[in-house]
Amino acid sequence: MVILSNIKIGDIINQYNKVISILGGEGKSGMGIVYICYNSLWDIPVALKTFQERFIFTQKIREEFKHEALAWVNLKQHPFIVKAYTVDNFKNRLFILLEYIPVDEKRRNTLAHYLKYPISLKEALNWGIQFCLGMEYALLHGIKSHRDIKPDNIMISPDQILKITDFGLAKLYDDFSLSVSEDELSSDNLNKFSCFKNAKECLIAGTPPWMAPEQFEGLSDVRSDIYSFGIVLFQMVNHGKLPFICKNFEDFSNAHKKHPTPKFESPLSSIIKRCLLKQPKDRYQDFEELRLDLEDLYKEYIKEELPSLPKEKLDDVANHLFRGYSFNQLGLYDKAQKELEIALKLDCNHQAIYSNLGDTYNHKGLYEKAIEILNSGINKFPNHWPLYIYLAKAYNAKGLKNKAQEAIEKAIKVDSNDALIYGWVGIIYGELGNIDMAIKSLQKSLELDPNNTNNAETYMYLGGFMLNISEPEALRMFQKSIELNPALDISYYYLGMSLYDQDKFNEALIMAQKAVALYPNKASYHVLLGAIFQELGVNNSAIKEYREALRIDPYNNDAQVNLNYLIKLKK
């Protein structure tokens, strides 16, 4: 888990994303936090979105995040949808890397900003039609519903193009670890939180001022989204005012379920009132039906041809590269290979394609292909250091240790002052069995950039390499790693192993339990926990852990041997 409170402007997130500004966070937004970054790999500004630190990911939430984010990534490119380029994994935290929508001269880039100013009927109709087109496309391409439509989730670009954001993210909050209770909601934060529990412990997704009546009972579908957008349309023609002004969750629930829509004068009134009918069956049944009525109104009142879709320059190479990178980050290597090979055919002069494809081949065990593509990349881009790192890994996997060492030495020559390079080099020296050089390289990385947000992993690797040299120093490294990142599971595992070797079983137990809690699908973590329980004489718990390890990895020999011993002992 990223220690989000430690990330500041100027920091680098995952090698390429330099933080320019930070939006949201505790006390400023509900659950999300967005880092506006410059991405040096693709030479573009991007927005990295994740959850605040206090909303801790469980394994279930990580899987949901991956599923929903991939659905958004797979929408590809549409003019009225914020583009989701990739899903990025950084320090055991998933981020969605998004298209950055810049602010205009009045510092506006969301509909919430525009609602502070008068919105003309033409603008309301135009944006309403664009919103419907974006939702129609999304619903036809794998998105089942949005569930959190509100002005903050509707971006407006400087050229006045509407773009929908946060697809499916409200669904990710369907876990108590990410929800808040009604008691935590107040008039100050009701428009921030997107998930909470009602008095009956029913999990609710949405934001109360814009929620359909059925959402307060935990139910929603596309007609709920239409109701929410009806609230947004109401605000567009009423100077940003909401139809219902309430102080708490219960009042909003009653208002949406029972109170009539306030009277107002607008050519849009009949459309809005139909969107806001209490029963889903009485509303528009889909966004196409709503759009057609908006288009008829546009022709009647604006007396112009409907605006044509904006012509966007679709960069197929970038799309395939982004998708390939995203699949690679998520461990979907077959899909990553397919996307990156297409990108290479379209453009053989992009350094990131070669490094990402080589990395993907390595993950798939296709080392000959990795060596071939990485050397091709080096011939074209001799100063792109990731090519040498992935080449060294491929050579090492093939048993060509001398060639691997040559590759990492060339990586250092590209930039001998880059802490990140030394971090990678240290890891590879360790894989080559050169522990002395591994330690020196990692120490050099820390010396060059002592405040780097990647240093928790650097200390963790240092501890691992020092275990056979100085166990007290190794323990200090693991503890330093945990101080920097209390959710780095492998540091707890290594620390637990060290304490276990010293017969400090109660202390080791705490470390092993934390490792398992953070990453429950790692067989070795359950084996360690089982071994500790066994030493403590809690054999039933040990058996349970060994069985869980074998469920994850049926070929885990340590788990099988220890389990057989304990079962015989019980007999």
Protein backbone atom coordinates (compact mmCIF):
# COMPACT_ATOMS: atom_id res chain seq x y z
CA MET A 1 0.00 0.00 0.00
CA VAL A 2 1.36 3.43 -0.85
CA ILE A 3 1.84 5.71 2.12
CA LEU A 4 -0.15 8.39 0.36
CA SER A 5 0.51 11.01 3.01
CA ASN A 6 4.22 10.80 2.13
CA ILE A 7 3.75 11.46 -1.57
CA LYS A 8 4.29 15.12 -2.34
CA ILE A 9 4.68 17.40 -5.33
CA GLY A 10 7.89 16.54 -7.15
CA ASP A 11 7.91 12.86 -6.15
CA ILE A 12 8.03 10.10 -8.77
CA ILE A 13 5.30 7.44 -8.80
CA ASN A 14 6.30 4.20 -10.50
CA GLN A 15 9.38 5.44 -12.35
CA TYR A 16 7.75 7.75 -14.90
CA ASN A 17 5.05 9.86 -13.20
CA LYS A 18 6.30 13.07 -11.60
CA VAL A 19 3.67 14.55 -9.29
CA ILE A 20 2.63 18.04 -10.38
CA SER A 21 -0.36 18.53 -8.08
CA ILE A 22 -2.53 16.51 -5.69
CA LEU A 23 -6.33 16.64 -5.73
CA GLY A 24 -8.51 15.37 -2.90
CA GLY A 25 -7.35 13.43 0.11
CA GLU A 26 -8.56 13.24 3.67
CA GLY A 27 -10.74 16.23 4.56
CA LYS A 28 -10.85 17.36 0.93
CA SER A 29 -12.73 14.55 -0.81
CA GLY A 30 -14.72 11.45 0.02
CA MET A 31 -12.60 8.40 -0.72
CA GLY A 32 -10.50 9.12 -3.77
CA ILE A 33 -7.24 10.93 -4.30
CA VAL A 34 -5.83 12.02 -7.67
CA TYR A 35 -2.22 12.78 -8.53
CA ILE A 36 -1.73 14.99 -11.57
CA CYS A 37 1.59 13.90 -13.05
CA TYR A 38 3.92 14.38 -15.95
CA ASN A 39 4.54 10.98 -17.54
CA SER A 40 8.09 11.03 -18.92
CA LEU A 41 7.66 7.73 -20.76
CA TRP A 42 4.86 9.01 -22.98
CA ASP A 43 5.62 12.73 -22.65
CA ILE A 44 2.09 13.64 -21.56
CA PRO A 45 0.31 14.86 -18.43
CA VAL A 46 -1.80 12.16 -16.76
CA ALA A 47 -4.06 11.75 -13.75
CA LEU A 48 -3.39 8.82 -11.38
CA LYS A 49 -6.45 7.94 -9.31
CA THR A 50 -6.59 5.66 -6.27
CA PHE A 51 -8.21 5.50 -2.83
CA GLN A 52 -7.15 7.39 0.27
CA GLU A 53 -4.83 5.59 2.69
CA ARG A 54 -7.52 5.07 5.34
CA PHE A 55 -9.67 3.04 2.95
CA ILE A 56 -7.47 -0.02 3.04
CA PHE A 57 -7.57 -2.52 0.20
CA THR A 58 -8.52 -6.10 0.95
CA GLN A 59 -7.70 -8.74 -1.64
CA LYS A 60 -11.37 -8.63 -2.65
CA ILE A 61 -11.18 -4.88 -3.26
CA ARG A 62 -7.98 -5.29 -5.30
CA GLU A 63 -9.68 -7.84 -7.55
CA GLU A 64 -12.76 -5.62 -7.91
CA PHE A 65 -10.57 -2.63 -8.70
CA LYS A 66 -8.75 -4.63 -11.36
CA HIS A 67 -12.00 -5.89 -12.89
CA GLU A 68 -13.73 -2.51 -13.00
CA ALA A 69 -10.64 -0.61 -14.12
CA LEU A 70 -10.02 -3.06 -16.96
CA ALA A 71 -13.62 -2.61 -18.12
CA TRP A 72 -12.91 1.12 -18.29
CA VAL A 73 -9.57 0.59 -20.07
CA ASN A 74 -11.30 -1.69 -22.58
CA LEU A 75 -13.68 1.12 -23.58
CA LYS A 76 -10.75 2.32 -25.67
CA GLN A 77 -11.31 5.89 -26.86
CA HIS A 78 -14.57 7.81 -27.07
CA PRO A 79 -14.88 11.61 -27.30
CA PHE A 80 -17.30 11.83 -24.34
CA ILE A 81 -15.49 9.48 -21.94
CA VAL A 82 -12.32 10.20 -19.98
CA LYS A 83 -9.78 7.78 -21.39
CA ALA A 84 -8.43 5.19 -18.95
CA TYR A 85 -4.98 4.34 -20.34
CA THR A 86 -3.72 1.73 -17.92
CA VAL A 87 -4.03 0.14 -14.54
CA ASP A 88 -0.76 0.59 -12.66
CA ASN A 89 0.51 -1.38 -9.67
CA PHE A 90 2.69 0.65 -7.33
CA LYS A 91 3.71 -0.56 -3.86
CA ASN A 92 0.84 -3.03 -3.70
CA ARG A 93 -1.68 -0.28 -4.56
CA LEU A 94 -3.56 -0.14 -7.85
CA PHE A 95 -3.91 3.17 -9.67
CA ILE A 96 -5.90 4.00 -12.79
CA LEU A 97 -3.83 6.15 -15.14
CA LEU A 98 -6.28 8.55 -16.79
CA GLU A 99 -6.41 11.15 -19.51
CA TYR A 100 -5.74 14.55 -17.95
CA ILE A 101 -8.45 17.15 -18.57
CA PRO A 102 -6.84 20.59 -18.15
CA VAL A 103 -8.63 23.54 -16.58
CA ASP A 104 -9.78 26.55 -18.61
CA GLU A 105 -8.88 30.18 -18.00
CA LYS A 106 -11.35 30.25 -15.05
CA ARG A 107 -9.80 27.13 -13.48
CA ARG A 108 -12.76 24.95 -14.49
CA ASN A 109 -12.64 21.33 -15.69
CA THR A 110 -15.69 19.70 -14.07
CA LEU A 111 -19.39 20.39 -14.43
CA ALA A 112 -19.38 21.23 -10.71
CA HIS A 113 -17.17 24.20 -11.56
CA TYR A 114 -19.45 25.30 -14.42
CA LEU A 115 -22.56 25.13 -12.24
CA LYS A 116 -21.25 28.20 -10.38
CA TYR A 117 -21.92 30.18 -13.57
CA PRO A 118 -25.11 30.54 -15.67
CA ILE A 119 -25.50 27.67 -18.17
CA SER A 120 -27.44 28.45 -21.35
CA LEU A 121 -30.14 26.17 -22.71
CA LYS A 122 -27.89 25.41 -25.70
CA GLU A 123 -25.02 24.36 -23.40
CA ALA A 124 -27.34 22.22 -21.23
CA LEU A 125 -28.79 20.45 -24.27
CA ASN A 126 -25.43 20.01 -25.94
CA TRP A 127 -23.81 18.55 -22.80
CA GLY A 128 -26.90 16.44 -22.11
CA ILE A 129 -26.70 14.89 -25.58
CA GLN A 130 -22.95 14.30 -25.21
CA PHE A 131 -23.49 12.63 -21.83
CA CYS A 132 -26.13 10.29 -23.28
CA LEU A 133 -23.87 9.35 -26.20
CA GLY A 134 -21.01 8.58 -23.82
CA MET A 135 -23.24 6.44 -21.58
CA GLU A 136 -24.75 4.60 -24.57
CA TYR A 137 -21.26 3.69 -25.77
CA ALA A 138 -20.13 2.58 -22.31
CA LEU A 139 -23.21 0.44 -21.70
CA LEU A 140 -22.71 -1.28 -25.05
CA HIS A 141 -19.06 -2.05 -24.25
CA GLY A 142 -19.04 -3.85 -20.91
CA ILE A 143 -20.09 -1.20 -18.37
CA LYS A 144 -23.31 -2.26 -16.62
CA SER A 145 -24.03 1.03 -14.84
CA HIS A 146 -22.14 4.00 -13.45
CA ARG A 147 -23.79 4.28 -10.00
CA ASP A 148 -22.24 7.61 -9.04
CA ILE A 149 -23.29 10.21 -11.61
CA LYS A 150 -22.80 13.72 -10.26
CA PRO A 151 -21.21 17.00 -11.46
CA ASP A 152 -17.80 16.08 -9.98
CA ASN A 153 -17.72 12.97 -12.21
CA ILE A 154 -18.51 14.92 -15.38
CA MET A 155 -15.45 16.63 -16.81
CA ILE A 156 -15.59 19.55 -19.25
CA SER A 157 -12.56 20.14 -21.46
CA PRO A 158 -11.37 23.66 -22.39
CA ASP A 159 -13.03 23.24 -25.81
CA GLN A 160 -16.35 22.55 -24.03
CA ILE A 161 -16.45 18.82 -24.65
CA LEU A 162 -18.11 16.76 -21.89
CA LYS A 163 -16.27 13.67 -20.67
CA ILE A 164 -17.63 11.12 -18.17
CA THR A 165 -15.24 9.76 -15.55
CA ASP A 166 -15.11 7.22 -12.68
CA PHE A 167 -16.84 4.36 -14.48
CA GLY A 168 -17.66 1.50 -12.14
CA LEU A 169 -15.64 2.84 -9.22
CA ALA A 170 -18.68 3.15 -6.95
CA LYS A 171 -19.06 -0.63 -7.32
CA LEU A 172 -15.62 -1.08 -5.79
CA TYR A 173 -16.90 0.21 -2.49
CA ASP A 174 -19.08 -2.88 -1.98
CA ASP A 175 -16.91 -3.92 0.93
CA PHE A 176 -17.18 -2.77 4.53
CA SER A 177 -13.53 -1.77 4.60
CA LEU A 178 -14.29 1.03 2.15
CA SER A 179 -17.63 2.19 3.49
CA VAL A 180 -18.65 4.70 6.12
CA SER A 181 -21.73 4.66 8.29
CA GLU A 182 -24.67 7.05 8.21
CA ASP A 183 -23.39 8.51 11.48
CA GLU A 184 -20.24 9.71 9.72
CA LEU A 185 -22.26 11.62 7.11
CA SER A 186 -23.04 15.28 7.68
CA SER A 187 -24.28 18.22 5.65
CA ASP A 188 -20.61 19.03 4.99
CA ASN A 189 -19.62 15.68 3.49
CA LEU A 190 -22.84 14.21 2.03
CA ASN A 191 -21.74 15.16 -1.47
CA LYS A 192 -18.32 13.47 -1.06
CA PHE A 193 -18.77 9.87 0.02
CA SER A 194 -19.72 7.33 -2.64
CA CYS A 195 -20.33 4.37 -0.35
CA PHE A 196 -21.74 3.89 3.12
CA LYS A 197 -23.83 1.60 5.26
CA ASN A 198 -27.38 2.50 6.19
CA ALA A 199 -28.98 1.76 9.57
CA LYS A 200 -29.78 -1.79 8.46
CA GLU A 201 -26.08 -2.42 7.60
CA CYS A 202 -27.06 -2.47 3.91
CA LEU A 203 -24.23 -1.32 1.68
CA ILE A 204 -25.12 1.71 -0.44
CA ALA A 205 -23.24 2.98 -3.51
CA GLY A 206 -23.78 6.52 -4.74
CA THR A 207 -23.72 10.09 -3.43
CA PRO A 208 -26.94 11.07 -1.55
CA PRO A 209 -27.89 14.35 -3.32
CA TRP A 210 -27.88 12.54 -6.70
CA MET A 211 -29.08 9.05 -5.72
CA ALA A 212 -32.21 7.39 -7.11
CA PRO A 213 -34.79 6.22 -4.53
CA GLU A 214 -33.90 2.55 -5.03
CA GLN A 215 -30.19 3.22 -4.42
CA PHE A 216 -30.95 3.96 -0.77
CA GLU A 217 -32.01 0.29 -0.54
CA GLY A 218 -28.84 -0.95 -2.23
CA LEU A 219 -30.42 -1.45 -5.69
CA SER A 220 -29.45 0.20 -8.96
CA ASP A 221 -29.38 -0.21 -12.74
CA VAL A 222 -29.20 2.07 -15.79
CA ARG A 223 -32.51 3.71 -14.81
CA SER A 224 -30.89 4.76 -11.53
CA ASP A 225 -28.17 6.46 -13.59
CA ILE A 226 -30.90 8.24 -15.57
CA TYR A 227 -32.42 9.52 -12.30
CA SER A 228 -29.01 10.80 -11.17
CA PHE A 229 -28.47 12.56 -14.48
CA GLY A 230 -31.95 14.07 -14.14
CA ILE A 231 -30.69 15.73 -10.93
CA VAL A 232 -27.68 17.04 -12.88
CA LEU A 233 -29.95 18.42 -15.64
CA PHE A 234 -32.09 20.08 -12.95
CA GLN A 235 -28.95 21.80 -11.64
CA MET A 236 -27.97 22.97 -15.12
CA VAL A 237 -31.22 24.89 -15.57
CA ASN A 238 -31.53 26.08 -11.95
CA HIS A 239 -28.21 27.86 -11.40
CA GLY A 240 -26.60 24.82 -9.76
CA LYS A 241 -29.31 24.35 -7.12
CA LEU A 242 -30.33 20.84 -6.11
CA PRO A 243 -34.02 19.84 -6.08
CA PHE A 244 -33.72 18.57 -2.51
CA ILE A 245 -31.68 20.30 0.19
CA CYS A 246 -31.18 18.00 3.17
CA LYS A 247 -28.95 17.79 6.24
CA ASN A 248 -28.54 14.04 6.61
CA PHE A 249 -28.78 10.69 4.89
CA GLU A 250 -32.27 9.87 6.16
CA ASP A 251 -33.67 13.23 4.96
CA PHE A 252 -32.22 12.65 1.48
CA SER A 253 -33.70 9.15 1.43
CA ASN A 254 -37.15 10.49 2.29
CA ALA A 255 -36.89 13.36 -0.17
CA HIS A 256 -35.88 11.19 -3.14
CA LYS A 257 -38.52 8.58 -2.30
CA LYS A 258 -41.47 10.84 -1.40
CA HIS A 259 -41.04 14.51 -2.22
CA PRO A 260 -42.24 15.83 -5.61
CA THR A 261 -39.78 17.56 -7.92
CA PRO A 262 -39.91 21.31 -7.21
CA LYS A 263 -41.62 23.41 -9.88
CA PHE A 264 -39.36 25.32 -12.26
CA GLU A 265 -39.60 26.95 -15.67
CA SER A 266 -37.51 25.50 -18.48
CA PRO A 267 -38.03 23.89 -21.87
CA LEU A 268 -36.26 20.92 -20.24
CA SER A 269 -38.77 20.59 -17.41
CA SER A 270 -40.83 17.69 -18.84
CA ILE A 271 -37.67 15.69 -19.67
CA ILE A 272 -36.18 16.30 -16.23
CA LYS A 273 -39.41 15.37 -14.45
CA ARG A 274 -39.59 12.09 -16.34
CA CYS A 275 -35.99 11.31 -15.36
CA LEU A 276 -36.92 11.97 -11.71
CA LEU A 277 -40.00 9.79 -11.43
CA LYS A 278 -39.89 7.70 -8.25
CA GLN A 279 -40.44 4.29 -9.89
CA PRO A 280 -37.71 3.06 -12.28
CA LYS A 281 -40.31 1.62 -14.68
CA ASP A 282 -41.80 5.12 -15.19
CA ARG A 283 -38.52 6.83 -16.18
CA TYR A 284 -36.66 6.74 -19.46
CA GLN A 285 -35.55 3.13 -19.84
CA ASP A 286 -32.23 3.87 -21.49
CA PHE A 287 -30.02 6.78 -22.48
CA GLU A 288 -30.87 6.52 -26.18
CA GLU A 289 -34.53 7.25 -25.40
CA LEU A 290 -33.49 10.24 -23.28
CA ARG A 291 -31.06 11.48 -25.96
CA LEU A 292 -33.69 11.43 -28.70
CA ASP A 293 -35.93 13.71 -26.64
CA LEU A 294 -33.01 16.05 -25.95
CA GLU A 295 -32.18 16.14 -29.66
CA ASP A 296 -35.80 17.01 -30.56
CA LEU A 297 -35.71 19.85 -28.04
CA TYR A 298 -32.38 21.06 -29.45
CA LYS A 299 -33.86 21.26 -32.97
CA GLU A 300 -37.00 23.00 -31.70
CA TYR A 301 -35.38 25.69 -29.52
CA ILE A 302 -31.87 26.12 -30.86
CA LYS A 303 -32.98 25.78 -34.49
CA GLU A 304 -29.60 24.50 -35.58
CA GLU A 305 -28.28 21.23 -36.87
CA LEU A 306 -27.20 18.92 -34.12
CA PRO A 307 -23.48 19.34 -33.40
CA SER A 308 -21.36 16.65 -35.00
CA LEU A 309 -19.11 14.36 -32.99
CA PRO A 310 -15.69 15.91 -32.37
CA LYS A 311 -13.00 14.49 -34.59
CA GLU A 312 -10.30 13.09 -32.38
CA LYS A 313 -6.94 11.93 -33.59
CA LEU A 314 -6.86 8.33 -32.51
CA ASP A 315 -3.29 7.19 -31.94
CA ASP A 316 -3.59 3.44 -32.41
CA VAL A 317 0.04 2.91 -31.41
CA ALA A 318 -0.44 4.66 -28.08
CA ASN A 319 -3.70 2.82 -27.45
CA HIS A 320 -2.09 -0.59 -27.98
CA LEU A 321 0.99 0.42 -25.97
CA PHE A 322 -1.10 1.66 -23.04
CA ARG A 323 -3.25 -1.45 -23.07
CA GLY A 324 -0.23 -3.74 -23.34
CA TYR A 325 1.48 -1.98 -20.45
CA SER A 326 -1.69 -2.21 -18.36
CA PHE A 327 -2.13 -5.94 -19.04
CA ASN A 328 1.55 -6.51 -18.21
CA GLN A 329 1.16 -4.68 -14.88
CA LEU A 330 -1.83 -6.87 -14.03
CA GLY A 331 -0.11 -10.14 -14.92
CA LEU A 332 -2.23 -10.76 -18.04
CA TYR A 333 0.78 -11.53 -20.17
CA ASP A 334 -0.94 -13.17 -23.15
CA LYS A 335 -3.08 -10.07 -23.64
CA ALA A 336 -0.07 -7.81 -23.06
CA GLN A 337 1.93 -9.67 -25.72
CA LYS A 338 -0.87 -9.35 -28.26
CA GLU A 339 -1.29 -5.59 -27.73
CA LEU A 340 2.44 -4.83 -27.72
CA GLU A 341 3.14 -6.89 -30.84
CA ILE A 342 0.40 -4.95 -32.65
CA ALA A 343 1.96 -1.68 -31.43
CA LEU A 344 5.37 -2.80 -32.73
CA LYS A 345 3.95 -3.55 -36.18
CA LEU A 346 2.36 -0.10 -36.30
CA ASP A 347 5.46 1.75 -35.09
CA CYS A 348 8.90 0.22 -34.74
CA ASN A 349 10.41 3.50 -33.53
CA HIS A 350 9.02 3.71 -29.99
CA GLN A 351 11.46 2.70 -27.24
CA ALA A 352 8.74 1.85 -24.68
CA ILE A 353 7.28 -0.82 -26.98
CA TYR A 354 10.58 -2.74 -27.04
CA SER A 355 11.14 -2.58 -23.28
CA ASN A 356 7.55 -3.49 -22.40
CA LEU A 357 7.44 -6.34 -24.92
CA GLY A 358 10.77 -7.68 -23.69
CA ASP A 359 9.50 -7.58 -20.11
CA THR A 360 6.33 -9.41 -21.17
CA TYR A 361 8.33 -12.14 -22.95
CA ASN A 362 10.42 -12.55 -19.79
CA HIS A 363 7.30 -13.04 -17.69
CA LYS A 364 6.08 -15.69 -20.13
CA GLY A 365 9.43 -17.51 -20.11
CA LEU A 366 10.06 -16.66 -23.78
CA TYR A 367 13.65 -15.64 -23.11
CA GLU A 368 15.00 -16.08 -26.64
CA LYS A 369 12.29 -13.77 -27.97
CA ALA A 370 12.98 -11.33 -25.12
CA ILE A 371 16.70 -11.24 -25.96
CA GLU A 372 15.95 -10.69 -29.64
CA ILE A 373 13.45 -7.84 -29.15
CA LEU A 374 15.49 -6.13 -26.42
CA ASN A 375 18.68 -6.17 -28.50
CA SER A 376 16.69 -4.73 -31.41
CA GLY A 377 15.51 -1.98 -29.12
CA ILE A 378 19.05 -1.28 -27.87
CA ASN A 379 20.27 -0.90 -31.46
CA LYS A 380 17.67 1.83 -31.97
CA PHE A 381 17.65 3.37 -28.47
CA PRO A 382 21.01 2.74 -26.78
CA ASN A 383 20.21 5.21 -23.97
CA HIS A 384 16.94 3.63 -22.83
CA TRP A 385 18.16 1.88 -19.67
CA PRO A 386 15.10 -0.40 -19.03
CA LEU A 387 16.11 -2.33 -22.17
CA TYR A 388 19.39 -3.38 -20.51
CA ILE A 389 17.66 -4.32 -17.24
CA TYR A 390 15.16 -6.63 -18.93
CA LEU A 391 17.94 -8.02 -21.16
CA ALA A 392 19.99 -8.87 -18.06
CA LYS A 393 17.00 -10.70 -16.58
CA ALA A 394 16.55 -12.68 -19.81
CA TYR A 395 20.25 -13.63 -19.99
CA ASN A 396 20.23 -14.66 -16.33
CA ALA A 397 17.17 -16.86 -16.88
CA LYS A 398 19.07 -18.54 -19.72
CA GLY A 399 22.10 -19.11 -17.46
CA LEU A 400 24.23 -16.60 -19.38
CA LYS A 401 25.54 -14.82 -16.29
CA ASN A 402 28.44 -13.03 -18.00
CA LYS A 403 26.13 -11.52 -20.59
CA ALA A 404 23.68 -10.55 -17.85
CA GLN A 405 26.46 -8.72 -15.97
CA GLU A 406 27.52 -6.93 -19.17
CA ALA A 407 23.94 -5.75 -19.66
CA ILE A 408 23.62 -4.29 -16.15
CA GLU A 409 26.99 -2.55 -16.45
CA LYS A 410 25.72 -0.91 -19.65
CA ALA A 411 22.56 0.18 -17.83
CA ILE A 412 24.72 2.01 -15.26
CA LYS A 413 26.72 3.71 -18.04
CA VAL A 414 23.49 5.22 -19.40
CA ASP A 415 23.13 7.27 -16.20
CA SER A 416 25.44 6.58 -13.25
CA ASN A 417 23.50 9.04 -11.06
CA ASP A 418 20.06 7.46 -11.37
CA ALA A 419 18.99 5.86 -8.07
CA LEU A 420 16.32 3.81 -9.82
CA ILE A 421 18.89 2.13 -12.08
CA TYR A 422 20.99 1.10 -9.09
CA GLY A 423 17.91 -0.31 -7.40
CA TRP A 424 17.21 -2.54 -10.39
CA VAL A 425 20.89 -3.44 -10.76
CA GLY A 426 21.04 -4.48 -7.11
CA ILE A 427 18.11 -6.84 -7.54
CA ILE A 428 19.64 -8.44 -10.62
CA TYR A 429 23.06 -8.82 -8.99
CA GLY A 430 21.22 -10.66 -6.23
CA GLU A 431 19.58 -12.93 -8.79
CA LEU A 432 23.04 -13.58 -10.27
CA GLY A 433 24.27 -14.62 -6.83
CA ASN A 434 26.65 -11.67 -6.47
CA ILE A 435 25.41 -10.62 -3.03
CA ASP A 436 28.27 -8.20 -2.36
CA MET A 437 27.53 -6.19 -5.53
CA ALA A 438 23.78 -6.43 -4.85
CA ILE A 439 24.23 -4.79 -1.43
CA LYS A 440 26.59 -2.11 -2.78
CA SER A 441 24.20 -1.24 -5.61
CA LEU A 442 21.19 -0.95 -3.33
CA GLN A 443 23.16 1.17 -0.86
CA LYS A 444 24.20 3.39 -3.79
CA SER A 445 20.54 3.77 -4.72
CA LEU A 446 19.70 4.95 -1.19
CA GLU A 447 22.69 7.28 -1.17
CA LEU A 448 21.69 8.93 -4.47
CA ASP A 449 18.06 9.49 -3.49
CA PRO A 450 17.44 9.00 0.25
CA ASN A 451 13.88 10.39 0.03
CA ASN A 452 12.66 8.33 -2.92
CA THR A 453 9.19 6.76 -2.40
CA ASN A 454 10.58 3.45 -3.73
CA ASN A 455 13.02 3.11 -0.81
CA ALA A 456 10.80 0.77 1.23
CA GLU A 457 11.41 -1.93 -1.38
CA THR A 458 15.11 -1.06 -1.52
CA TYR A 459 15.45 -1.63 2.24
CA MET A 460 13.45 -4.83 1.94
CA TYR A 461 15.82 -6.24 -0.71
CA LEU A 462 18.84 -5.09 1.31
CA GLY A 463 17.52 -6.97 4.31
CA GLY A 464 17.02 -10.10 2.24
CA PHE A 465 20.58 -10.01 0.91
CA MET A 466 22.04 -9.30 4.37
CA LEU A 467 20.33 -12.22 6.11
CA ASN A 468 23.33 -14.51 5.67
CA ILE A 469 25.84 -11.76 6.47
CA SER A 470 24.45 -9.91 9.48
CA GLU A 471 21.06 -10.92 10.81
CA PRO A 472 20.75 -7.89 13.16
CA GLU A 473 21.45 -5.56 10.22
CA ALA A 474 18.97 -7.45 8.06
CA LEU A 475 16.32 -7.05 10.77
CA ARG A 476 17.04 -3.33 10.87
CA MET A 477 16.54 -3.12 7.10
CA PHE A 478 13.20 -4.93 7.29
CA GLN A 479 12.03 -2.69 10.12
CA LYS A 480 13.08 0.40 8.14
CA SER A 481 11.16 -0.93 5.14
CA ILE A 482 8.01 -1.35 7.24
CA GLU A 483 8.41 2.15 8.71
CA LEU A 484 8.39 3.59 5.20
CA ASN A 485 5.58 1.36 3.97
CA PRO A 486 3.54 -0.43 6.67
CA ALA A 487 1.67 -2.38 4.02
CA LEU A 488 4.60 -3.99 2.21
CA ASP A 489 3.68 -7.62 2.82
CA ILE A 490 7.00 -9.20 1.88
CA SER A 491 8.86 -7.17 4.53
CA TYR A 492 6.62 -8.64 7.22
CA TYR A 493 7.28 -12.10 5.76
CA TYR A 494 11.05 -11.71 5.82
CA LEU A 495 10.95 -10.19 9.29
CA GLY A 496 8.76 -13.07 10.44
CA MET A 497 11.23 -15.56 8.96
CA SER A 498 14.14 -13.90 10.77
CA LEU A 499 12.32 -13.90 14.10
CA TYR A 500 11.30 -17.54 13.54
CA ASP A 501 14.94 -18.50 12.99
CA GLN A 502 15.76 -16.84 16.32
CA ASP A 503 13.00 -18.85 18.07
CA LYS A 504 11.06 -15.64 18.77
CA PHE A 505 7.81 -17.31 17.80
CA ASN A 506 5.30 -14.89 19.33
CA GLU A 507 6.93 -11.92 17.61
CA ALA A 508 7.22 -13.91 14.38
CA LEU A 509 3.52 -14.76 14.61
CA ILE A 510 2.54 -11.09 14.51
CA MET A 511 4.68 -10.48 11.42
CA ALA A 512 3.41 -13.56 9.58
CA GLN A 513 -0.23 -12.70 10.32
CA LYS A 514 0.27 -9.20 8.92
CA ALA A 515 1.85 -10.60 5.75
CA VAL A 516 -1.09 -12.99 5.25
CA ALA A 517 -3.65 -10.25 5.95
CA LEU A 518 -2.07 -8.00 3.32
CA TYR A 519 -1.62 -10.71 0.67
CA PRO A 520 -3.61 -13.85 1.47
CA ASN A 521 -2.89 -15.62 -1.84
CA LYS A 522 0.80 -16.28 -1.20
CA ALA A 523 1.43 -19.93 -0.27
CA SER A 524 4.79 -19.24 1.39
CA TYR A 525 3.16 -16.81 3.83
CA HIS A 526 0.72 -19.51 4.99
CA VAL A 527 3.58 -22.01 5.30
CA LEU A 528 5.47 -19.65 7.59
CA LEU A 529 2.35 -18.99 9.66
CA GLY A 530 1.71 -22.74 9.88
CA ALA A 531 5.28 -23.39 11.01
CA ILE A 532 4.99 -20.76 13.73
CA PHE A 533 1.69 -22.20 14.97
CA GLN A 534 3.33 -25.63 14.96
CA GLU A 535 6.20 -24.41 17.13
CA LEU A 536 3.68 -22.80 19.50
CA GLY A 537 1.79 -26.09 19.75
CA VAL A 538 -1.37 -24.76 18.09
CA ASN A 539 -1.55 -27.67 15.66
CA ASN A 540 -5.12 -27.21 14.44
CA SER A 541 -4.27 -23.69 13.28
CA ALA A 542 -1.06 -24.99 11.71
CA ILE A 543 -3.01 -27.64 9.76
CA LYS A 544 -5.42 -24.98 8.56
CA GLU A 545 -2.56 -22.81 7.26
CA TYR A 546 -0.79 -25.71 5.51
CA ARG A 547 -4.04 -26.69 3.80
CA GLU A 548 -4.56 -23.12 2.65
CA ALA A 549 -1.00 -23.07 1.27
CA LEU A 550 -1.72 -26.26 -0.69
CA ARG A 551 -4.98 -24.83 -1.99
CA ILE A 552 -2.99 -21.93 -3.43
CA ASP A 553 -0.03 -24.06 -4.52
CA PRO A 554 -0.80 -27.82 -4.66
CA TYR A 555 2.91 -28.58 -5.25
CA ASN A 556 4.26 -26.79 -2.17
CA ASN A 557 6.51 -29.47 -0.65
CA ASP A 558 7.02 -27.80 2.75
CA ALA A 559 3.29 -27.48 3.30
CA GLN A 560 2.67 -31.09 2.26
CA VAL A 561 5.43 -32.59 4.44
CA ASN A 562 4.42 -30.60 7.53
CA LEU A 563 0.72 -31.31 7.00
CA ASN A 564 1.34 -35.07 6.69
CA TYR A 565 3.40 -35.02 9.89
CA LEU A 566 0.70 -33.21 11.89
CA ILE A 567 -2.10 -35.44 10.57
CA LYS A 568 -0.14 -38.58 11.60
CA LEU A 569 0.52 -36.98 14.97
CA LYS A 570 -3.19 -36.47 15.56
CA LYS A 571 -3.88 -40.13 14.84
